[in-house]
Amino acid sequence: MTYRRWFVVGAAAAVVGVLVAAFALVNGTFSPRAYVQDRYSRAASRDIGREATAYTSSKSPTTVAKELTDAWKPSDRYADSSGVYLRYDDDSVVILPIAAGSVILLEDMDTAHPRYHSTVGSYWGWGRGSSVRGGGPGTGK
């Protein structure tokens, strides 16, 4: 009889675990891109072509950047008077000031790096997930 009780308790715990996991998958935010999409207002009129998807916030760029970096640590970060530039493994998040807060631009690193290179220069490291600050392959030898 005790084996049956343990089986019932184990099955109940498994069902609870599956329910918690399903809830997390449905409601979870698993990337910086998803975090922005879940929390800020879509602003399609501010998109940059097909590459950069725009969102807006009534908060300042530094406040938006703090919220995002508290949830998702970037590989690299650069900030100046023009905005806050965050580099993640596959994505960039660029937060620029507008009159009523911020515009948040989500873009793949493949197109973001050339677009913002004149601003971020060598502050965004080389390669995916790298936070190495340098001039690229072969430097420092």
N, C-alpha and C. Protein backbone atom coordinates (compact mmCIF):
# COMPACT_ATOMS: atom_id res chain seq x y z
N MET A 1 0.82 -1.20 0.00
CA MET A 1 0.00 0.00 0.00
C MET A 1 0.86 1.27 0.00
N THR A 2 2.02 1.26 0.66
CA THR A 2 2.86 2.45 0.70
C THR A 2 3.45 2.77 -0.67
N TYR A 3 3.72 1.73 -1.48
CA TYR A 3 4.22 1.99 -2.83
C TYR A 3 3.19 2.75 -3.66
N ARG A 4 1.95 2.39 -3.49
CA ARG A 4 0.88 3.06 -4.24
C ARG A 4 0.78 4.53 -3.84
N ARG A 5 0.90 4.82 -2.56
CA ARG A 5 0.85 6.20 -2.07
C ARG A 5 1.99 7.01 -2.66
N TRP A 6 3.20 6.43 -2.68
CA TRP A 6 4.35 7.14 -3.24
C TRP A 6 4.17 7.37 -4.74
N PHE A 7 3.57 6.42 -5.41
CA PHE A 7 3.31 6.57 -6.84
C PHE A 7 2.35 7.73 -7.09
N VAL A 8 1.30 7.82 -6.29
CA VAL A 8 0.32 8.90 -6.44
C VAL A 8 0.98 10.25 -6.14
N VAL A 9 1.78 10.32 -5.07
CA VAL A 9 2.47 11.57 -4.74
C VAL A 9 3.44 11.95 -5.87
N GLY A 10 4.18 11.00 -6.38
CA GLY A 10 5.11 11.27 -7.48
C GLY A 10 4.40 11.73 -8.74
N ALA A 11 3.30 11.09 -9.07
CA ALA A 11 2.52 11.48 -10.25
C ALA A 11 1.96 12.89 -10.08
N ALA A 12 1.48 13.21 -8.91
CA ALA A 12 0.94 14.55 -8.64
C ALA A 12 2.04 15.60 -8.78
N ALA A 13 3.22 15.31 -8.24
CA ALA A 13 4.34 16.25 -8.36
C ALA A 13 4.75 16.43 -9.82
N ALA A 14 4.73 15.36 -10.60
CA ALA A 14 5.07 15.45 -12.02
C ALA A 14 4.06 16.32 -12.77
N VAL A 15 2.78 16.15 -12.47
CA VAL A 15 1.74 16.95 -13.12
C VAL A 15 1.92 18.43 -12.78
N VAL A 16 2.21 18.74 -11.52
CA VAL A 16 2.44 20.13 -11.11
C VAL A 16 3.66 20.68 -11.85
N GLY A 17 4.72 19.90 -11.95
CA GLY A 17 5.92 20.33 -12.67
C GLY A 17 5.65 20.62 -14.14
N VAL A 18 4.87 19.77 -14.78
CA VAL A 18 4.53 19.99 -16.19
C VAL A 18 3.69 21.25 -16.34
N LEU A 19 2.76 21.48 -15.44
CA LEU A 19 1.93 22.69 -15.50
C LEU A 19 2.77 23.95 -15.31
N VAL A 20 3.70 23.94 -14.37
CA VAL A 20 4.57 25.09 -14.14
C VAL A 20 5.44 25.34 -15.37
N ALA A 21 6.00 24.30 -15.95
CA ALA A 21 6.84 24.43 -17.14
C ALA A 21 6.03 24.98 -18.32
N ALA A 22 4.82 24.48 -18.50
CA ALA A 22 3.97 24.96 -19.60
C ALA A 22 3.62 26.44 -19.41
N PHE A 23 3.32 26.83 -18.19
CA PHE A 23 3.01 28.23 -17.91
C PHE A 23 4.22 29.11 -18.21
N ALA A 24 5.40 28.66 -17.81
CA ALA A 24 6.62 29.42 -18.05
C ALA A 24 6.89 29.56 -19.55
N LEU A 25 6.67 28.50 -20.31
CA LEU A 25 6.89 28.57 -21.75
C LEU A 25 5.91 29.52 -22.43
N VAL A 26 4.66 29.50 -22.00
CA VAL A 26 3.66 30.35 -22.62
C VAL A 26 3.86 31.82 -22.24
N ASN A 27 4.21 32.09 -20.99
CA ASN A 27 4.29 33.45 -20.49
C ASN A 27 5.71 33.97 -20.29
N GLY A 28 6.69 33.15 -20.59
CA GLY A 28 8.07 33.54 -20.31
C GLY A 28 8.65 34.45 -21.36
N THR A 29 9.71 35.14 -20.97
CA THR A 29 10.47 35.99 -21.86
C THR A 29 11.88 35.41 -21.90
N PHE A 30 12.26 34.88 -23.06
CA PHE A 30 13.50 34.12 -23.12
C PHE A 30 14.59 34.78 -23.96
N SER A 31 14.43 36.07 -24.27
CA SER A 31 15.46 36.78 -25.01
C SER A 31 15.25 38.27 -24.83
N PRO A 32 16.28 39.07 -25.07
CA PRO A 32 16.09 40.52 -25.01
C PRO A 32 15.04 41.00 -26.01
N ARG A 33 15.00 40.37 -27.17
CA ARG A 33 14.01 40.73 -28.19
C ARG A 33 12.60 40.50 -27.66
N ALA A 34 12.35 39.35 -27.07
CA ALA A 34 11.03 39.04 -26.51
C ALA A 34 10.70 39.97 -25.35
N TYR A 35 11.71 40.32 -24.55
CA TYR A 35 11.49 41.24 -23.44
C TYR A 35 10.97 42.59 -23.95
N VAL A 36 11.60 43.13 -24.98
CA VAL A 36 11.17 44.42 -25.55
C VAL A 36 9.78 44.27 -26.14
N GLN A 37 9.55 43.21 -26.90
CA GLN A 37 8.25 43.01 -27.54
C GLN A 37 7.12 42.90 -26.52
N ASP A 38 7.40 42.32 -25.37
CA ASP A 38 6.37 42.14 -24.34
C ASP A 38 6.08 43.41 -23.55
N ARG A 39 7.04 44.33 -23.46
CA ARG A 39 6.91 45.44 -22.53
C ARG A 39 6.72 46.83 -23.15
N TYR A 40 7.00 46.97 -24.42
CA TYR A 40 6.94 48.29 -25.02
C TYR A 40 5.97 48.30 -26.20
N SER A 41 5.54 49.49 -26.59
CA SER A 41 4.53 49.65 -27.65
C SER A 41 5.16 49.57 -29.03
N ARG A 42 4.57 48.78 -29.89
CA ARG A 42 5.04 48.64 -31.27
C ARG A 42 4.81 49.95 -32.02
N ALA A 43 5.80 50.37 -32.78
CA ALA A 43 5.73 51.63 -33.54
C ALA A 43 6.23 51.38 -34.96
N ALA A 44 5.43 50.71 -35.76
CA ALA A 44 5.82 50.30 -37.11
C ALA A 44 6.24 51.49 -37.98
N SER A 45 5.68 52.66 -37.73
CA SER A 45 6.04 53.83 -38.54
C SER A 45 7.49 54.27 -38.32
N ARG A 46 8.12 53.79 -37.25
CA ARG A 46 9.51 54.15 -36.94
C ARG A 46 10.50 53.05 -37.33
N ASP A 47 10.01 51.97 -37.93
CA ASP A 47 10.89 50.89 -38.39
C ASP A 47 11.91 51.45 -39.38
N ILE A 48 13.07 50.81 -39.43
CA ILE A 48 14.08 51.16 -40.43
C ILE A 48 14.12 50.01 -41.42
N GLY A 49 13.42 50.21 -42.55
CA GLY A 49 13.31 49.16 -43.54
C GLY A 49 12.73 47.90 -42.95
N ARG A 50 13.24 46.76 -43.40
CA ARG A 50 12.81 45.47 -42.85
C ARG A 50 13.76 45.00 -41.75
N GLU A 51 14.84 45.73 -41.56
CA GLU A 51 15.89 45.27 -40.65
C GLU A 51 15.62 45.63 -39.19
N ALA A 52 15.23 46.86 -38.91
CA ALA A 52 15.09 47.33 -37.53
C ALA A 52 13.62 47.54 -37.19
N THR A 53 13.15 46.80 -36.20
CA THR A 53 11.77 46.87 -35.73
C THR A 53 11.71 47.84 -34.56
N ALA A 54 10.77 48.78 -34.62
CA ALA A 54 10.72 49.86 -33.62
C ALA A 54 9.62 49.66 -32.59
N TYR A 55 9.94 50.07 -31.37
CA TYR A 55 9.01 50.11 -30.24
C TYR A 55 9.22 51.45 -29.56
N THR A 56 8.25 51.88 -28.78
CA THR A 56 8.39 53.14 -28.06
C THR A 56 8.08 52.96 -26.59
N SER A 57 8.62 53.90 -25.82
CA SER A 57 8.36 53.96 -24.38
C SER A 57 8.29 55.42 -23.98
N SER A 58 7.53 55.71 -22.96
CA SER A 58 7.47 57.09 -22.44
C SER A 58 8.64 57.37 -21.51
N LYS A 59 9.45 56.35 -21.25
CA LYS A 59 10.60 56.49 -20.34
C LYS A 59 11.84 56.93 -21.12
N SER A 60 12.81 57.47 -20.40
CA SER A 60 14.06 57.92 -21.02
C SER A 60 14.88 56.72 -21.50
N PRO A 61 15.79 56.94 -22.45
CA PRO A 61 16.65 55.85 -22.92
C PRO A 61 17.44 55.18 -21.79
N THR A 62 17.95 55.95 -20.84
CA THR A 62 18.72 55.33 -19.75
C THR A 62 17.84 54.47 -18.86
N THR A 63 16.59 54.88 -18.65
CA THR A 63 15.66 54.07 -17.84
C THR A 63 15.30 52.78 -18.56
N VAL A 64 15.00 52.88 -19.84
CA VAL A 64 14.68 51.68 -20.63
C VAL A 64 15.89 50.74 -20.65
N ALA A 65 17.08 51.30 -20.86
CA ALA A 65 18.30 50.48 -20.89
C ALA A 65 18.52 49.79 -19.55
N LYS A 66 18.27 50.48 -18.45
CA LYS A 66 18.43 49.85 -17.13
C LYS A 66 17.45 48.71 -16.94
N GLU A 67 16.20 48.91 -17.33
CA GLU A 67 15.20 47.84 -17.22
C GLU A 67 15.64 46.62 -18.02
N LEU A 68 16.08 46.86 -19.24
CA LEU A 68 16.48 45.75 -20.10
C LEU A 68 17.74 45.06 -19.61
N THR A 69 18.75 45.84 -19.23
CA THR A 69 20.01 45.22 -18.79
C THR A 69 19.89 44.57 -17.42
N ASP A 70 18.93 44.99 -16.60
CA ASP A 70 18.67 44.28 -15.35
C ASP A 70 18.12 42.88 -15.63
N ALA A 71 17.34 42.76 -16.71
CA ALA A 71 16.76 41.46 -17.07
C ALA A 71 17.70 40.64 -17.96
N TRP A 72 18.41 41.30 -18.88
CA TRP A 72 19.28 40.63 -19.85
C TRP A 72 20.60 41.38 -19.96
N LYS A 73 21.67 40.78 -19.49
CA LYS A 73 22.99 41.42 -19.53
C LYS A 73 23.51 41.39 -20.97
N PRO A 74 23.85 42.56 -21.51
CA PRO A 74 24.36 42.59 -22.88
C PRO A 74 25.82 42.15 -22.95
N SER A 75 26.23 41.73 -24.15
CA SER A 75 27.64 41.40 -24.38
C SER A 75 28.47 42.67 -24.38
N ASP A 76 27.92 43.75 -24.93
CA ASP A 76 28.58 45.04 -24.97
C ASP A 76 27.54 46.13 -24.85
N ARG A 77 28.00 47.28 -24.35
CA ARG A 77 27.11 48.43 -24.17
C ARG A 77 27.90 49.69 -24.49
N TYR A 78 27.24 50.60 -25.20
CA TYR A 78 27.83 51.90 -25.46
C TYR A 78 26.72 52.93 -25.30
N ALA A 79 27.04 54.03 -24.63
CA ALA A 79 26.06 55.11 -24.46
C ALA A 79 26.74 56.45 -24.66
N ASP A 80 26.04 57.32 -25.35
CA ASP A 80 26.48 58.71 -25.49
C ASP A 80 25.23 59.57 -25.59
N SER A 81 25.39 60.81 -25.98
CA SER A 81 24.23 61.71 -26.03
C SER A 81 23.22 61.31 -27.11
N SER A 82 23.63 60.48 -28.07
CA SER A 82 22.71 60.07 -29.12
C SER A 82 21.81 58.92 -28.70
N GLY A 83 22.21 58.14 -27.67
CA GLY A 83 21.39 57.02 -27.23
C GLY A 83 22.20 55.95 -26.53
N VAL A 84 21.54 54.82 -26.31
CA VAL A 84 22.16 53.66 -25.67
C VAL A 84 22.15 52.52 -26.68
N TYR A 85 23.31 51.89 -26.87
CA TYR A 85 23.51 50.86 -27.87
C TYR A 85 23.91 49.57 -27.15
N LEU A 86 23.03 48.56 -27.23
CA LEU A 86 23.28 47.29 -26.53
C LEU A 86 23.48 46.19 -27.57
N ARG A 87 24.53 45.40 -27.38
CA ARG A 87 24.82 44.28 -28.27
C ARG A 87 24.62 42.98 -27.51
N TYR A 88 23.83 42.10 -28.07
CA TYR A 88 23.62 40.76 -27.54
C TYR A 88 24.19 39.77 -28.56
N ASP A 89 24.10 38.48 -28.29
CA ASP A 89 24.68 37.48 -29.18
C ASP A 89 24.22 37.65 -30.63
N ASP A 90 22.92 37.68 -30.84
CA ASP A 90 22.38 37.75 -32.20
C ASP A 90 21.70 39.07 -32.51
N ASP A 91 21.38 39.83 -31.50
CA ASP A 91 20.57 41.04 -31.66
C ASP A 91 21.25 42.27 -31.11
N SER A 92 20.81 43.40 -31.63
CA SER A 92 21.17 44.67 -31.02
C SER A 92 19.88 45.33 -30.57
N VAL A 93 19.98 46.11 -29.51
CA VAL A 93 18.88 46.93 -29.05
C VAL A 93 19.44 48.34 -28.94
N VAL A 94 18.90 49.23 -29.76
CA VAL A 94 19.35 50.61 -29.78
C VAL A 94 18.21 51.47 -29.25
N ILE A 95 18.50 52.25 -28.22
CA ILE A 95 17.48 53.05 -27.55
C ILE A 95 17.83 54.52 -27.76
N LEU A 96 16.99 55.21 -28.52
CA LEU A 96 17.24 56.59 -28.88
C LEU A 96 16.21 57.51 -28.25
N PRO A 97 16.61 58.73 -27.90
CA PRO A 97 15.64 59.67 -27.32
C PRO A 97 14.69 60.23 -28.39
N ILE A 98 13.45 60.40 -28.00
CA ILE A 98 12.47 61.12 -28.80
C ILE A 98 11.77 62.09 -27.87
N ALA A 99 10.99 62.99 -28.40
CA ALA A 99 10.37 64.04 -27.59
C ALA A 99 9.56 63.48 -26.42
N ALA A 100 8.87 62.38 -26.64
CA ALA A 100 8.00 61.83 -25.60
C ALA A 100 8.57 60.58 -24.94
N GLY A 101 9.89 60.41 -24.92
CA GLY A 101 10.49 59.22 -24.29
C GLY A 101 11.60 58.62 -25.12
N SER A 102 11.35 57.38 -25.59
CA SER A 102 12.39 56.64 -26.31
C SER A 102 11.81 55.84 -27.46
N VAL A 103 12.63 55.66 -28.48
CA VAL A 103 12.34 54.67 -29.51
C VAL A 103 13.36 53.56 -29.33
N ILE A 104 12.88 52.32 -29.36
CA ILE A 104 13.72 51.15 -29.13
C ILE A 104 13.76 50.36 -30.43
N LEU A 105 14.95 50.19 -30.99
CA LEU A 105 15.11 49.51 -32.27
C LEU A 105 15.73 48.15 -32.06
N LEU A 106 15.03 47.11 -32.51
CA LEU A 106 15.54 45.73 -32.45
C LEU A 106 16.05 45.36 -33.83
N GLU A 107 17.26 44.81 -33.86
CA GLU A 107 17.85 44.49 -35.17
C GLU A 107 18.86 43.36 -35.01
N ASP A 108 18.95 42.51 -36.03
CA ASP A 108 19.98 41.48 -36.04
C ASP A 108 21.35 42.14 -36.08
N MET A 109 22.32 41.51 -35.45
CA MET A 109 23.67 42.06 -35.44
C MET A 109 24.27 42.17 -36.84
N ASP A 110 23.85 41.29 -37.75
CA ASP A 110 24.38 41.32 -39.11
C ASP A 110 24.15 42.66 -39.80
N THR A 111 23.02 43.29 -39.53
CA THR A 111 22.74 44.59 -40.15
C THR A 111 22.99 45.75 -39.19
N ALA A 112 22.90 45.49 -37.89
CA ALA A 112 23.07 46.57 -36.91
C ALA A 112 24.52 47.04 -36.83
N HIS A 113 25.46 46.12 -36.85
CA HIS A 113 26.85 46.52 -36.68
C HIS A 113 27.30 47.49 -37.78
N PRO A 114 27.04 47.19 -39.06
CA PRO A 114 27.42 48.17 -40.09
C PRO A 114 26.66 49.50 -39.93
N ARG A 115 25.40 49.42 -39.52
CA ARG A 115 24.59 50.64 -39.40
C ARG A 115 25.14 51.56 -38.30
N TYR A 116 25.54 50.99 -37.18
CA TYR A 116 25.93 51.80 -36.02
C TYR A 116 27.43 51.84 -35.78
N HIS A 117 28.22 51.27 -36.70
CA HIS A 117 29.67 51.21 -36.49
C HIS A 117 30.29 52.60 -36.29
N SER A 118 29.79 53.58 -37.01
CA SER A 118 30.37 54.92 -36.88
C SER A 118 30.13 55.49 -35.48
N THR A 119 29.12 54.99 -34.78
CA THR A 119 28.84 55.45 -33.41
C THR A 119 29.53 54.58 -32.38
N VAL A 120 29.37 53.26 -32.49
CA VAL A 120 29.89 52.36 -31.46
C VAL A 120 31.35 51.99 -31.68
N GLY A 121 31.84 52.18 -32.91
CA GLY A 121 33.24 51.89 -33.20
C GLY A 121 33.67 50.54 -32.68
N SER A 122 34.72 50.51 -31.89
CA SER A 122 35.23 49.25 -31.34
C SER A 122 34.61 48.91 -29.99
N TYR A 123 33.61 49.67 -29.54
CA TYR A 123 32.98 49.35 -28.26
C TYR A 123 32.20 48.05 -28.33
N TRP A 124 31.62 47.75 -29.49
CA TRP A 124 30.99 46.45 -29.66
C TRP A 124 32.09 45.51 -30.09
N GLY A 125 32.35 44.47 -29.30
CA GLY A 125 33.44 43.54 -29.59
C GLY A 125 33.21 42.76 -30.87
N TRP A 126 34.19 41.99 -31.24
CA TRP A 126 34.14 41.18 -32.44
C TRP A 126 33.46 39.86 -32.16
N GLY A 127 32.71 39.37 -33.11
CA GLY A 127 32.14 38.03 -33.03
C GLY A 127 30.92 37.94 -32.14
N ARG A 128 30.28 36.80 -32.17
CA ARG A 128 29.08 36.57 -31.40
C ARG A 128 29.42 36.30 -29.95
N GLY A 129 28.74 36.99 -29.07
CA GLY A 129 28.89 36.76 -27.64
C GLY A 129 30.22 37.19 -27.08
N SER A 130 31.03 37.81 -27.87
CA SER A 130 32.35 38.25 -27.40
C SER A 130 32.27 39.62 -26.79
N SER A 131 32.92 39.78 -25.66
CA SER A 131 32.98 41.13 -25.09
C SER A 131 34.42 41.64 -25.14
N VAL A 132 35.22 41.01 -26.00
CA VAL A 132 36.59 41.43 -26.16
C VAL A 132 36.62 42.76 -26.90
N ARG A 133 37.32 43.71 -26.36
CA ARG A 133 37.40 45.02 -27.02
C ARG A 133 38.75 45.07 -27.74
N GLY A 134 38.69 45.03 -29.03
CA GLY A 134 39.95 45.04 -29.76
C GLY A 134 39.73 45.34 -31.21
N GLY A 135 40.81 45.25 -31.94
CA GLY A 135 40.76 45.60 -33.36
C GLY A 135 40.49 44.42 -34.26
N GLY A 136 40.18 43.29 -33.69
CA GLY A 136 39.85 42.14 -34.54
C GLY A 136 40.96 41.12 -34.54
N PRO A 137 40.84 40.14 -35.44
CA PRO A 137 41.82 39.05 -35.48
C PRO A 137 43.24 39.56 -35.75
N GLY A 138 44.19 39.02 -35.01
CA GLY A 138 45.58 39.34 -35.26
C GLY A 138 46.11 40.55 -34.55
N THR A 139 45.28 41.33 -33.89
CA THR A 139 45.79 42.51 -33.21
C THR A 139 46.43 42.12 -31.89
N GLY A 140 47.34 42.90 -31.45
CA GLY A 140 47.98 42.66 -30.17
C GLY A 140 49.11 41.64 -30.23
N LYS A 141 49.49 41.23 -31.44
CA LYS A 141 50.56 40.24 -31.55
C LYS A 141 51.91 40.91 -31.62
